[in-house]
Amino acid sequence: MADQYDLLVIGAGPGGYVAAIRGAQLGMKVAIVEREHMAGICSNWGCIPTKALLRSAEIYGHMGHAKDYGLTAEKFGFDLDGIVKRSRAIAAQMNNGVQFLMKKNKIDIIWGEATITKPGEVKVSPSKKPVVQPQGPVPKNPLGEGLYKAKNIIIATGARPRVLPGIEPDGDKIWTYFEALKPAEMPKSLVVMGSGAIGIEFASFYRSFGAEVTVIELLPNILPVEDTEISGLARKRLEKRGIKIMTEAKVSKVEKTRSGVIAHVETKDGKTQQISGDKLISAVGVQCNIEELGLETVGVKTERGAIVIDNYGKTSVDGIWAIGDVAGPPMLAHKAEHEAVITVEKIAGLKVHGLDKTKVPGCTYCEPQVASVGLTEAKAKEQGREIKVGRFPFVGNGKAIALGEPDGLVKTIFDAKTGELLGAHMIGAEVTELIQGFVVAMNLETTEEELIHSIFPHPTLSETMKESVLDAYGRALNI
């Protein structure tokens, strides 16, 4: 029997490892249980390696437009194996970095699969999956199989790709993001099922290197969580790049052939089309990893496949907490990290603010980038708000023109009565970096007057943000 811990975290993804570190910082004795790899899906198979791939695609795209900048770049190409190896090396670096942080903060790593047998007790069994250690084999005699006691248990087991019946990924012709991250060769044609962030990012990546891409979306708009206006602009830009997009369409069946796949697509008019491709990426969302944790045994409540929590991560059972994807949407790494800190500080008895999901930003790293926070225009109107909406296009910004990136838009939504910033929605170059300015503003309850009186440096893309605010109040200067 291991010594009792103050905190035991199940899952070492961005939520889990941050929870463990914050617990250690607050003087707790902490252990973390992981069945496969440190740093979770985000660093190993999600956020970070996809951005590495997309960075290669971005540079390749710039090379193709070198003459627009007065440069010559003839006879250039790409090495797919090199692109993938770079991405995997970066994932390994992140994995190693998290292991260093565990050691630095004196956090015990327990390798294996965890089951909560009763409040305060966790059984760890050997992992059904191979433990991935980029720097070498698992150290000899690590903590592993056995019973562990803890005053508080945090579940941070994340999520996995959702599988549709009859369209199960086979790792060969039907892919999830796992296979899409490490292709052995560049497909000539690709069908992407689902147009959320994952689907659109992969559509953008593969199109950059010449694949013929068709995106199929069940809902009326791609990137369906985004503001409709921004979604529409994204669609136009993606279609201009040669990506075919079908909305209000459903993949009813996927037929495997010798050379690839045929997707049978039902359209809104009741007709069926057949779309062929070398590969199909299934990007229809994710499902929470709640199985085999013992939740039913101890009475932890779940709903719609996710663990039910309050704004502080508390479940229906005292001493058991949950954070990140396993606790439901928005399923984003930065939300998981923030929840981790809130939950651990609540456990420690500190005064904390519960999670406000309206202030969680979302980013999609396709070309063009899309970023947002807060209410969409439609949601604000649904709430019966009287609003003011501002818009400013990148074509009116000197830095955007100098960068050769004149296609973009910043849209801001304010409460007309109070001046409260309700939402911000952006499309264009580097908007995934710019959005944080609006996140900070919303968190500080900044009004339009305070934003108008803030000085934005020139020349920067950030000036589009202020101009959008000015436009909401009829004061835009550069358009």
Protein backbone atom coordinates (compact mmCIF):
# COMPACT_ATOMS: atom_id res chain seq x y z
CA MET A 1 0.00 0.00 0.00
CA ALA A 2 1.41 3.38 -1.02
CA ASP A 3 1.38 6.30 1.36
CA GLN A 4 -1.75 8.41 1.35
CA TYR A 5 -1.72 11.35 -1.00
CA ASP A 6 -3.40 14.68 -0.57
CA LEU A 7 -4.23 14.67 -4.26
CA LEU A 8 -4.25 11.94 -6.87
CA VAL A 9 -4.86 12.95 -10.49
CA ILE A 10 -6.03 10.45 -13.08
CA GLY A 11 -4.73 11.46 -16.51
CA ALA A 12 -1.61 13.46 -17.43
CA GLY A 13 -2.98 15.66 -20.19
CA PRO A 14 -3.00 19.48 -20.02
CA GLY A 15 -5.66 19.49 -17.32
CA GLY A 16 -4.16 16.65 -15.28
CA TYR A 17 -0.54 17.70 -15.21
CA VAL A 18 -1.43 21.34 -14.46
CA ALA A 19 -3.63 20.16 -11.56
CA ALA A 20 -0.76 18.08 -10.22
CA ILE A 21 1.69 20.98 -10.45
CA ARG A 22 -0.68 23.45 -8.78
CA GLY A 23 -1.30 20.95 -6.00
CA ALA A 24 2.43 20.55 -5.42
CA GLN A 25 2.86 24.33 -5.39
CA LEU A 26 0.28 24.51 -2.60
CA GLY A 27 2.21 21.99 -0.50
CA MET A 28 0.16 18.89 -1.27
CA LYS A 29 1.59 15.42 -1.63
CA VAL A 30 0.60 14.60 -5.22
CA ALA A 31 0.57 11.60 -7.55
CA ILE A 32 -0.56 11.37 -11.14
CA VAL A 33 -1.75 8.18 -12.88
CA GLU A 34 -1.16 7.85 -16.61
CA ARG A 35 -1.81 4.82 -18.81
CA GLU A 36 0.00 5.83 -21.99
CA HIS A 37 1.90 9.10 -22.35
CA MET A 38 2.63 12.28 -20.44
CA ALA A 39 1.13 15.54 -21.77
CA GLY A 40 -2.00 13.85 -23.12
CA ILE A 41 -3.63 14.02 -26.54
CA CYS A 42 -2.98 17.76 -26.81
CA SER A 43 0.80 17.55 -26.93
CA ASN A 44 1.14 14.06 -28.40
CA TRP A 45 -1.66 13.85 -30.97
CA GLY A 46 -3.55 17.14 -30.98
CA CYS A 47 -2.85 20.82 -30.41
CA ILE A 48 0.92 20.90 -30.72
CA PRO A 49 1.77 18.41 -33.50
CA THR A 50 -1.08 19.70 -35.68
CA LYS A 51 0.29 23.23 -35.35
CA ALA A 52 3.70 21.93 -36.39
CA LEU A 53 2.15 20.46 -39.55
CA LEU A 54 0.22 23.65 -40.23
CA ARG A 55 3.35 25.74 -39.81
CA SER A 56 5.04 23.68 -42.55
CA ALA A 57 2.00 24.24 -44.74
CA GLU A 58 2.06 27.98 -44.04
CA ILE A 59 5.72 28.34 -45.02
CA TYR A 60 5.17 26.21 -48.12
CA GLY A 61 2.31 28.50 -49.08
CA HIS A 62 4.49 31.60 -48.64
CA MET A 63 7.14 30.02 -50.86
CA GLY A 64 4.55 29.66 -53.59
CA HIS A 65 3.86 33.40 -53.42
CA ALA A 66 7.46 34.55 -53.13
CA LYS A 67 7.23 36.72 -56.22
CA ASP A 68 4.51 38.79 -54.51
CA TYR A 69 7.22 39.91 -52.07
CA GLY A 70 9.87 40.58 -54.70
CA LEU A 71 11.58 37.27 -54.01
CA THR A 72 12.53 34.29 -56.13
CA ALA A 73 11.80 30.77 -54.95
CA GLU A 74 11.94 28.38 -57.88
CA LYS A 75 12.15 24.60 -57.79
CA PHE A 76 10.86 24.22 -54.24
CA GLY A 77 8.94 21.22 -52.96
CA PHE A 78 8.15 19.32 -49.79
CA ASP A 79 9.34 16.23 -47.99
CA LEU A 80 6.29 14.70 -46.32
CA ASP A 81 8.41 12.36 -44.21
CA GLY A 82 10.43 15.33 -42.97
CA ILE A 83 7.27 17.30 -42.17
CA VAL A 84 5.86 14.41 -40.14
CA LYS A 85 9.18 13.72 -38.38
CA ARG A 86 9.41 17.37 -37.32
CA SER A 87 5.88 17.22 -35.93
CA ARG A 88 6.54 14.01 -34.01
CA ALA A 89 9.83 15.36 -32.64
CA ILE A 90 8.02 18.41 -31.28
CA ALA A 91 5.42 16.13 -29.66
CA ALA A 92 8.23 14.15 -28.02
CA GLN A 93 9.81 17.37 -26.76
CA MET A 94 6.53 18.38 -25.12
CA ASN A 95 6.18 14.91 -23.57
CA ASN A 96 9.66 15.14 -22.11
CA GLY A 97 8.98 18.65 -20.86
CA VAL A 98 5.99 17.51 -18.82
CA GLN A 99 7.98 14.64 -17.32
CA PHE A 100 10.62 17.19 -16.29
CA LEU A 101 7.93 19.29 -14.62
CA MET A 102 6.69 16.25 -12.68
CA LYS A 103 10.19 15.59 -11.40
CA LYS A 104 10.82 19.26 -10.63
CA ASN A 105 7.64 19.46 -8.54
CA LYS A 106 8.26 16.09 -6.81
CA ILE A 107 5.08 14.54 -8.19
CA ASP A 108 4.91 10.74 -8.20
CA ILE A 109 4.09 9.24 -11.61
CA ILE A 110 2.06 6.02 -11.42
CA TRP A 111 1.96 4.13 -14.72
CA GLY A 112 -1.19 2.16 -15.38
CA GLU A 113 -4.98 2.35 -15.61
CA ALA A 114 -6.93 3.77 -12.70
CA THR A 115 -10.27 2.67 -11.26
CA ILE A 116 -11.89 4.42 -8.30
CA THR A 117 -12.95 1.65 -5.93
CA LYS A 118 -14.44 4.01 -3.34
CA PRO A 119 -14.05 7.67 -2.41
CA GLY A 120 -10.43 8.17 -1.43
CA GLU A 121 -9.13 4.95 -3.00
CA VAL A 122 -7.84 4.18 -6.48
CA LYS A 123 -6.79 0.83 -7.89
CA VAL A 124 -4.13 0.94 -10.60
CA SER A 125 -3.88 -1.96 -13.03
CA PRO A 126 -1.32 -2.57 -15.77
CA SER A 127 -1.99 -0.47 -18.85
CA LYS A 128 -3.67 -2.11 -21.82
CA LYS A 129 -1.70 0.26 -24.06
CA PRO A 130 2.09 0.53 -24.36
CA VAL A 131 3.52 3.35 -22.31
CA VAL A 132 5.16 5.90 -24.62
CA GLN A 133 8.42 7.37 -23.37
CA PRO A 134 10.19 9.33 -26.14
CA GLN A 135 13.44 9.51 -24.23
CA GLY A 136 13.59 5.76 -23.63
CA PRO A 137 11.96 2.91 -21.71
CA VAL A 138 9.99 3.42 -18.51
CA PRO A 139 12.39 3.65 -15.53
CA LYS A 140 12.91 0.42 -13.64
CA ASN A 141 10.60 -0.28 -10.69
CA PRO A 142 8.26 2.67 -11.24
CA LEU A 143 5.15 3.08 -9.15
CA GLY A 144 2.47 1.00 -10.79
CA GLU A 145 -0.03 -1.73 -9.99
CA GLY A 146 -1.67 -1.48 -6.58
CA LEU A 147 -4.03 0.46 -4.33
CA TYR A 148 -3.49 4.13 -3.61
CA LYS A 149 -5.29 6.34 -1.12
CA ALA A 150 -5.91 10.04 -1.59
CA LYS A 151 -7.92 12.70 0.22
CA ASN A 152 -8.99 14.09 -3.13
CA ILE A 153 -9.14 12.53 -6.58
CA ILE A 154 -9.27 14.54 -9.81
CA ILE A 155 -10.43 12.78 -12.98
CA ALA A 156 -8.76 14.25 -16.07
CA THR A 157 -8.98 11.39 -18.55
CA GLY A 158 -9.85 13.48 -21.61
CA ALA A 159 -11.66 12.29 -24.73
CA ARG A 160 -11.13 10.31 -27.92
CA PRO A 161 -12.43 10.52 -31.50
CA ARG A 162 -16.13 9.78 -31.84
CA VAL A 163 -16.85 6.76 -34.03
CA LEU A 164 -19.99 6.54 -36.16
CA PRO A 165 -21.50 3.07 -36.64
CA GLY A 166 -20.61 1.67 -40.04
CA ILE A 167 -17.88 4.26 -40.58
CA GLU A 168 -15.36 2.91 -38.12
CA PRO A 169 -11.77 4.08 -38.68
CA ASP A 170 -9.49 1.28 -39.87
CA GLY A 171 -6.16 3.13 -39.79
CA ASP A 172 -5.78 2.59 -43.53
CA LYS A 173 -8.47 4.23 -45.63
CA ILE A 174 -10.65 5.71 -42.88
CA TRP A 175 -8.64 7.90 -40.53
CA THR A 176 -9.05 9.72 -37.25
CA TYR A 177 -6.69 12.55 -36.36
CA PHE A 178 -4.17 9.95 -35.17
CA GLU A 179 -3.57 8.64 -38.70
CA ALA A 180 -4.02 12.07 -40.31
CA LEU A 181 -1.07 13.35 -38.26
CA LYS A 182 1.41 10.85 -39.70
CA PRO A 183 0.56 10.01 -43.32
CA ALA A 184 3.00 7.72 -45.10
CA GLU A 185 2.25 9.52 -48.37
CA MET A 186 0.27 12.55 -49.47
CA PRO A 187 -3.19 11.49 -50.66
CA LYS A 188 -4.24 12.88 -54.01
CA SER A 189 -7.83 13.23 -52.81
CA LEU A 190 -9.38 13.40 -49.38
CA VAL A 191 -12.87 13.42 -47.89
CA VAL A 192 -13.23 15.15 -44.51
CA MET A 193 -16.33 14.30 -42.51
CA GLY A 194 -17.04 17.13 -40.08
CA SER A 195 -16.12 20.81 -40.24
CA GLY A 196 -15.23 21.66 -36.68
CA ALA A 197 -11.73 22.85 -35.82
CA ILE A 198 -10.15 19.40 -36.32
CA GLY A 199 -11.76 18.76 -39.69
CA ILE A 200 -11.06 22.21 -41.09
CA GLU A 201 -7.45 22.25 -39.90
CA PHE A 202 -6.71 18.96 -41.64
CA ALA A 203 -8.60 20.06 -44.74
CA SER A 204 -6.43 23.18 -44.81
CA PHE A 205 -3.19 21.25 -44.26
CA TYR A 206 -3.76 18.65 -46.96
CA ARG A 207 -5.04 21.21 -49.46
CA SER A 208 -1.85 23.24 -48.97
CA PHE A 209 0.13 20.32 -50.36
CA GLY A 210 -2.10 19.74 -53.35
CA ALA A 211 -4.71 17.22 -52.22
CA GLU A 212 -8.22 17.57 -53.64
CA VAL A 213 -10.30 18.03 -50.49
CA THR A 214 -14.06 17.73 -49.94
CA VAL A 215 -15.52 18.71 -46.55
CA ILE A 216 -18.94 17.36 -45.60
CA GLU A 217 -20.87 19.03 -42.77
CA LEU A 218 -24.27 18.05 -41.36
CA LEU A 219 -25.14 21.58 -40.19
CA PRO A 220 -25.84 24.67 -42.34
CA ASN A 221 -22.45 26.27 -41.64
CA ILE A 222 -18.86 25.11 -41.34
CA LEU A 223 -17.17 25.86 -38.02
CA PRO A 224 -20.68 25.75 -36.55
CA VAL A 225 -19.77 27.19 -33.14
CA GLU A 226 -18.49 30.39 -34.74
CA ASP A 227 -20.40 33.55 -35.57
CA THR A 228 -22.32 32.98 -38.81
CA GLU A 229 -20.70 35.94 -40.56
CA ILE A 230 -17.19 34.73 -39.73
CA SER A 231 -18.11 31.17 -40.73
CA GLY A 232 -19.34 32.44 -44.09
CA LEU A 233 -16.11 34.34 -44.73
CA ALA A 234 -14.09 31.25 -43.77
CA ARG A 235 -16.06 29.18 -46.25
CA LYS A 236 -15.42 31.66 -49.07
CA ARG A 237 -11.68 31.70 -48.36
CA LEU A 238 -11.44 27.93 -48.13
CA GLU A 239 -13.41 27.47 -51.34
CA LYS A 240 -11.17 30.02 -53.04
CA ARG A 241 -8.26 27.78 -52.09
CA GLY A 242 -9.99 24.93 -53.94
CA ILE A 243 -11.61 23.08 -51.03
CA LYS A 244 -15.05 21.76 -51.91
CA ILE A 245 -17.55 22.22 -49.07
CA MET A 246 -20.93 20.52 -48.71
CA THR A 247 -23.18 21.69 -45.87
CA GLU A 248 -26.49 20.25 -44.71
CA ALA A 249 -25.16 16.96 -45.97
CA LYS A 250 -24.74 13.60 -44.26
CA VAL A 251 -22.41 10.71 -44.94
CA SER A 252 -24.77 7.74 -44.84
CA LYS A 253 -22.27 5.07 -45.87
CA VAL A 254 -18.61 4.70 -46.71
CA GLU A 255 -17.64 2.07 -49.25
CA LYS A 256 -14.03 0.91 -49.34
CA THR A 257 -12.51 0.22 -52.72
CA ARG A 258 -9.15 -1.08 -53.85
CA SER A 259 -7.88 2.46 -54.41
CA GLY A 260 -9.64 4.34 -51.61
CA VAL A 261 -13.15 5.14 -50.41
CA ILE A 262 -16.52 6.24 -51.78
CA ALA A 263 -18.60 8.35 -49.42
CA HIS A 264 -22.34 8.17 -50.02
CA VAL A 265 -23.60 11.65 -49.14
CA GLU A 266 -27.25 12.54 -48.57
CA THR A 267 -27.93 16.21 -49.39
CA LYS A 268 -30.66 18.47 -48.04
CA ASP A 269 -32.75 18.01 -51.18
CA GLY A 270 -32.97 14.27 -50.49
CA LYS A 271 -30.56 13.24 -53.21
CA THR A 272 -27.47 11.08 -52.79
CA GLN A 273 -24.04 11.85 -54.19
CA GLN A 274 -20.97 9.66 -54.29
CA ILE A 275 -17.70 11.39 -53.34
CA SER A 276 -14.49 9.46 -53.98
CA GLY A 277 -11.19 9.90 -52.19
CA ASP A 278 -7.96 8.13 -51.42
CA LYS A 279 -8.67 8.59 -47.71
CA LEU A 280 -11.50 9.76 -45.45
CA ILE A 281 -10.89 11.62 -42.20
CA SER A 282 -13.62 11.16 -39.61
CA ALA A 283 -13.73 14.40 -37.61
CA VAL A 284 -17.24 14.27 -36.18
CA GLY A 285 -16.29 15.19 -32.63
CA VAL A 286 -15.01 13.37 -29.59
CA GLN A 287 -16.41 11.34 -26.73
CA CYS A 288 -15.36 11.41 -23.10
CA ASN A 289 -13.17 8.71 -21.59
CA ILE A 290 -15.45 7.74 -18.71
CA GLU A 291 -15.38 3.96 -19.07
CA GLU A 292 -13.75 1.64 -16.52
CA LEU A 293 -13.15 4.43 -14.00
CA GLY A 294 -15.59 2.98 -11.47
CA LEU A 295 -17.92 5.96 -11.72
CA GLU A 296 -21.07 3.85 -11.39
CA THR A 297 -19.65 2.02 -8.38
CA VAL A 298 -18.97 5.18 -6.40
CA GLY A 299 -22.02 7.07 -7.66
CA VAL A 300 -20.43 9.81 -9.77
CA LYS A 301 -23.17 11.32 -11.91
CA THR A 302 -22.76 11.49 -15.68
CA GLU A 303 -24.93 13.11 -18.32
CA ARG A 304 -24.71 12.83 -22.11
CA GLY A 305 -21.49 10.88 -21.77
CA ALA A 306 -19.69 13.44 -19.59
CA ILE A 307 -19.09 13.77 -15.87
CA VAL A 308 -21.38 16.32 -14.26
CA ILE A 309 -19.53 19.01 -12.29
CA ASP A 310 -20.18 22.42 -10.79
CA ASN A 311 -18.18 25.55 -11.69
CA TYR A 312 -15.36 24.36 -9.43
CA GLY A 313 -14.95 20.83 -10.79
CA LYS A 314 -16.84 19.10 -7.97
CA THR A 315 -18.73 15.93 -8.92
CA SER A 316 -21.74 14.44 -7.15
CA VAL A 317 -19.40 12.59 -4.76
CA ASP A 318 -17.37 14.39 -2.09
CA GLY A 319 -13.64 14.19 -2.66
CA ILE A 320 -13.99 13.32 -6.35
CA TRP A 321 -13.49 16.05 -8.93
CA ALA A 322 -13.34 16.21 -12.72
CA ILE A 323 -11.80 18.65 -15.20
CA GLY A 324 -11.19 19.06 -18.93
CA ASP A 325 -12.77 17.14 -21.79
CA VAL A 326 -14.13 14.37 -19.57
CA ALA A 327 -16.33 16.99 -17.89
CA GLY A 328 -17.84 18.17 -21.17
CA PRO A 329 -17.58 21.10 -23.57
CA PRO A 330 -15.93 23.27 -24.53
CA MET A 331 -13.32 20.57 -25.08
CA LEU A 332 -10.22 22.73 -25.22
CA ALA A 333 -6.80 22.34 -23.61
CA HIS A 334 -6.73 25.86 -22.21
CA LYS A 335 -10.14 25.37 -20.61
CA ALA A 336 -8.83 22.17 -18.99
CA GLU A 337 -5.76 23.96 -17.63
CA HIS A 338 -7.84 26.78 -16.19
CA GLU A 339 -10.29 24.33 -14.63
CA ALA A 340 -7.34 22.50 -13.10
CA VAL A 341 -6.15 25.56 -11.21
CA ILE A 342 -9.68 26.47 -10.08
CA THR A 343 -10.35 22.96 -8.80
CA VAL A 344 -7.07 22.51 -6.94
CA GLU A 345 -7.35 25.93 -5.31
CA LYS A 346 -10.92 25.09 -4.28
CA ILE A 347 -9.65 21.85 -2.73
CA ALA A 348 -7.00 23.87 -0.89
CA GLY A 349 -9.65 26.18 0.55
CA LEU A 350 -8.58 29.28 -1.35
CA LYS A 351 -11.04 31.91 -2.54
CA VAL A 352 -11.56 31.19 -6.23
CA HIS A 353 -13.82 32.24 -9.08
CA GLY A 354 -15.74 29.48 -10.82
CA LEU A 355 -15.25 28.85 -14.51
CA ASP A 356 -17.14 31.22 -16.79
CA LYS A 357 -17.47 29.34 -20.06
CA THR A 358 -18.52 32.50 -21.93
CA LYS A 359 -14.97 33.76 -21.53
CA VAL A 360 -13.23 30.69 -22.95
CA PRO A 361 -11.67 31.59 -26.33
CA GLY A 362 -11.74 29.26 -29.31
CA CYS A 363 -9.15 29.09 -32.09
CA THR A 364 -8.94 27.31 -35.43
CA TYR A 365 -5.51 27.31 -37.09
CA CYS A 366 -6.50 26.82 -40.70
CA GLU A 367 -5.68 29.24 -43.50
CA PRO A 368 -7.26 31.69 -42.76
CA GLN A 369 -7.12 31.54 -38.96
CA VAL A 370 -10.34 31.95 -36.98
CA ALA A 371 -10.66 33.01 -33.33
CA SER A 372 -13.48 34.07 -31.04
CA VAL A 373 -14.65 34.65 -27.49
CA GLY A 374 -18.05 35.36 -25.97
CA LEU A 375 -21.45 35.62 -27.58
CA THR A 376 -22.08 35.49 -31.31
CA GLU A 377 -24.35 38.14 -32.78
CA ALA A 378 -27.17 35.59 -33.05
CA LYS A 379 -26.79 34.46 -29.41
CA ALA A 380 -26.77 38.03 -28.15
CA LYS A 381 -30.01 38.71 -30.01
CA GLU A 382 -31.53 35.46 -28.73
CA GLN A 383 -30.92 36.74 -25.21
CA GLY A 384 -32.95 39.83 -26.03
CA ARG A 385 -29.96 42.14 -25.81
CA GLU A 386 -29.88 45.49 -27.53
CA ILE A 387 -26.48 45.43 -29.19
CA LYS A 388 -24.00 47.48 -31.14
CA VAL A 389 -21.86 45.63 -33.69
CA GLY A 390 -18.55 46.84 -35.05
CA ARG A 391 -16.59 45.50 -38.02
CA PHE A 392 -13.19 46.33 -39.39
CA PRO A 393 -11.60 44.61 -42.41
CA PHE A 394 -7.88 43.85 -42.62
CA VAL A 395 -7.74 45.71 -45.94
CA GLY A 396 -7.94 48.94 -43.95
CA ASN A 397 -4.91 48.04 -41.81
CA GLY A 398 -1.40 49.06 -42.92
CA LYS A 399 0.37 46.13 -41.25
CA ALA A 400 -1.97 43.59 -42.89
CA ILE A 401 -1.30 45.13 -46.30
CA ALA A 402 2.47 45.15 -45.67
CA LEU A 403 2.30 41.48 -44.69
CA GLY A 404 0.39 40.64 -47.83
CA GLU A 405 -2.57 39.54 -45.68
CA PRO A 406 -5.40 41.96 -46.56
CA ASP A 407 -8.20 39.38 -46.22
CA GLY A 408 -9.61 39.39 -42.72
CA LEU A 409 -12.22 40.84 -40.41
CA VAL A 410 -12.60 41.75 -36.76
CA LYS A 411 -16.15 41.86 -35.42
CA THR A 412 -17.09 43.11 -31.97
CA ILE A 413 -20.43 42.96 -30.17
CA PHE A 414 -21.36 45.32 -27.32
CA ASP A 415 -24.33 45.75 -25.03
CA ALA A 416 -25.83 49.03 -26.27
CA LYS A 417 -26.97 50.07 -22.80
CA THR A 418 -23.89 49.29 -20.69
CA GLY A 419 -21.02 49.22 -23.20
CA GLU A 420 -20.12 45.70 -22.03
CA LEU A 421 -18.09 43.71 -24.56
CA LEU A 422 -20.23 40.64 -25.19
CA GLY A 423 -18.21 38.93 -27.90
CA ALA A 424 -15.38 39.24 -30.40
CA HIS A 425 -14.99 37.24 -33.61
CA MET A 426 -12.01 37.33 -35.94
CA ILE A 427 -10.75 35.84 -39.18
CA GLY A 428 -7.38 36.49 -40.80
CA ALA A 429 -3.65 36.35 -40.22
CA GLU A 430 -2.56 35.71 -36.62
CA VAL A 431 -6.00 36.24 -35.11
CA THR A 432 -5.35 33.27 -32.81
CA GLU A 433 -2.73 35.48 -31.15
CA LEU A 434 -4.84 38.65 -31.22
CA ILE A 435 -7.96 37.19 -29.57
CA GLN A 436 -6.36 37.21 -26.12
CA GLY A 437 -6.62 41.01 -26.03
CA PHE A 438 -10.39 40.72 -26.10
CA VAL A 439 -10.33 37.87 -23.56
CA VAL A 440 -8.46 40.09 -21.10
CA ALA A 441 -10.83 42.96 -21.81
CA MET A 442 -13.88 40.80 -21.08
CA ASN A 443 -12.33 39.38 -17.94
CA LEU A 444 -11.66 42.90 -16.64
CA GLU A 445 -15.25 43.91 -17.54
CA THR A 446 -13.86 46.55 -19.87
CA THR A 447 -16.34 48.84 -21.61
CA GLU A 448 -16.17 50.30 -25.09
CA GLU A 449 -15.05 53.63 -23.65
CA GLU A 450 -12.01 52.08 -21.98
CA LEU A 451 -11.06 50.22 -25.16
CA ILE A 452 -11.43 53.39 -27.22
CA HIS A 453 -9.12 55.23 -24.86
CA SER A 454 -6.49 52.45 -24.97
CA ILE A 455 -3.53 53.10 -27.27
CA PHE A 456 -2.77 50.32 -29.74
CA PRO A 457 0.72 50.35 -31.30
CA HIS A 458 1.19 51.23 -34.97
CA PRO A 459 1.70 49.50 -37.30
CA THR A 460 0.21 46.28 -35.93
CA LEU A 461 -2.62 43.94 -36.76
CA SER A 462 -3.99 44.71 -33.29
CA GLU A 463 -5.16 48.09 -34.56
CA THR A 464 -7.97 46.26 -36.34
CA MET A 465 -9.30 45.41 -32.89
CA LYS A 466 -9.60 49.03 -31.80
CA GLU A 467 -11.03 50.07 -35.16
CA SER A 468 -13.75 47.43 -34.80
CA VAL A 469 -14.67 48.90 -31.41
CA LEU A 470 -14.72 52.39 -32.92
CA ASP A 471 -16.93 51.17 -35.74
CA ALA A 472 -19.51 49.81 -33.29
CA TYR A 473 -19.98 53.40 -32.12
CA GLY A 474 -19.77 55.09 -35.52
CA ARG A 475 -16.21 56.33 -34.99
CA ALA A 476 -14.01 54.15 -37.25
CA LEU A 477 -11.09 56.19 -38.59
CA ASN A 478 -9.51 54.12 -41.35
CA ILE A 479 -12.45 52.94 -43.39
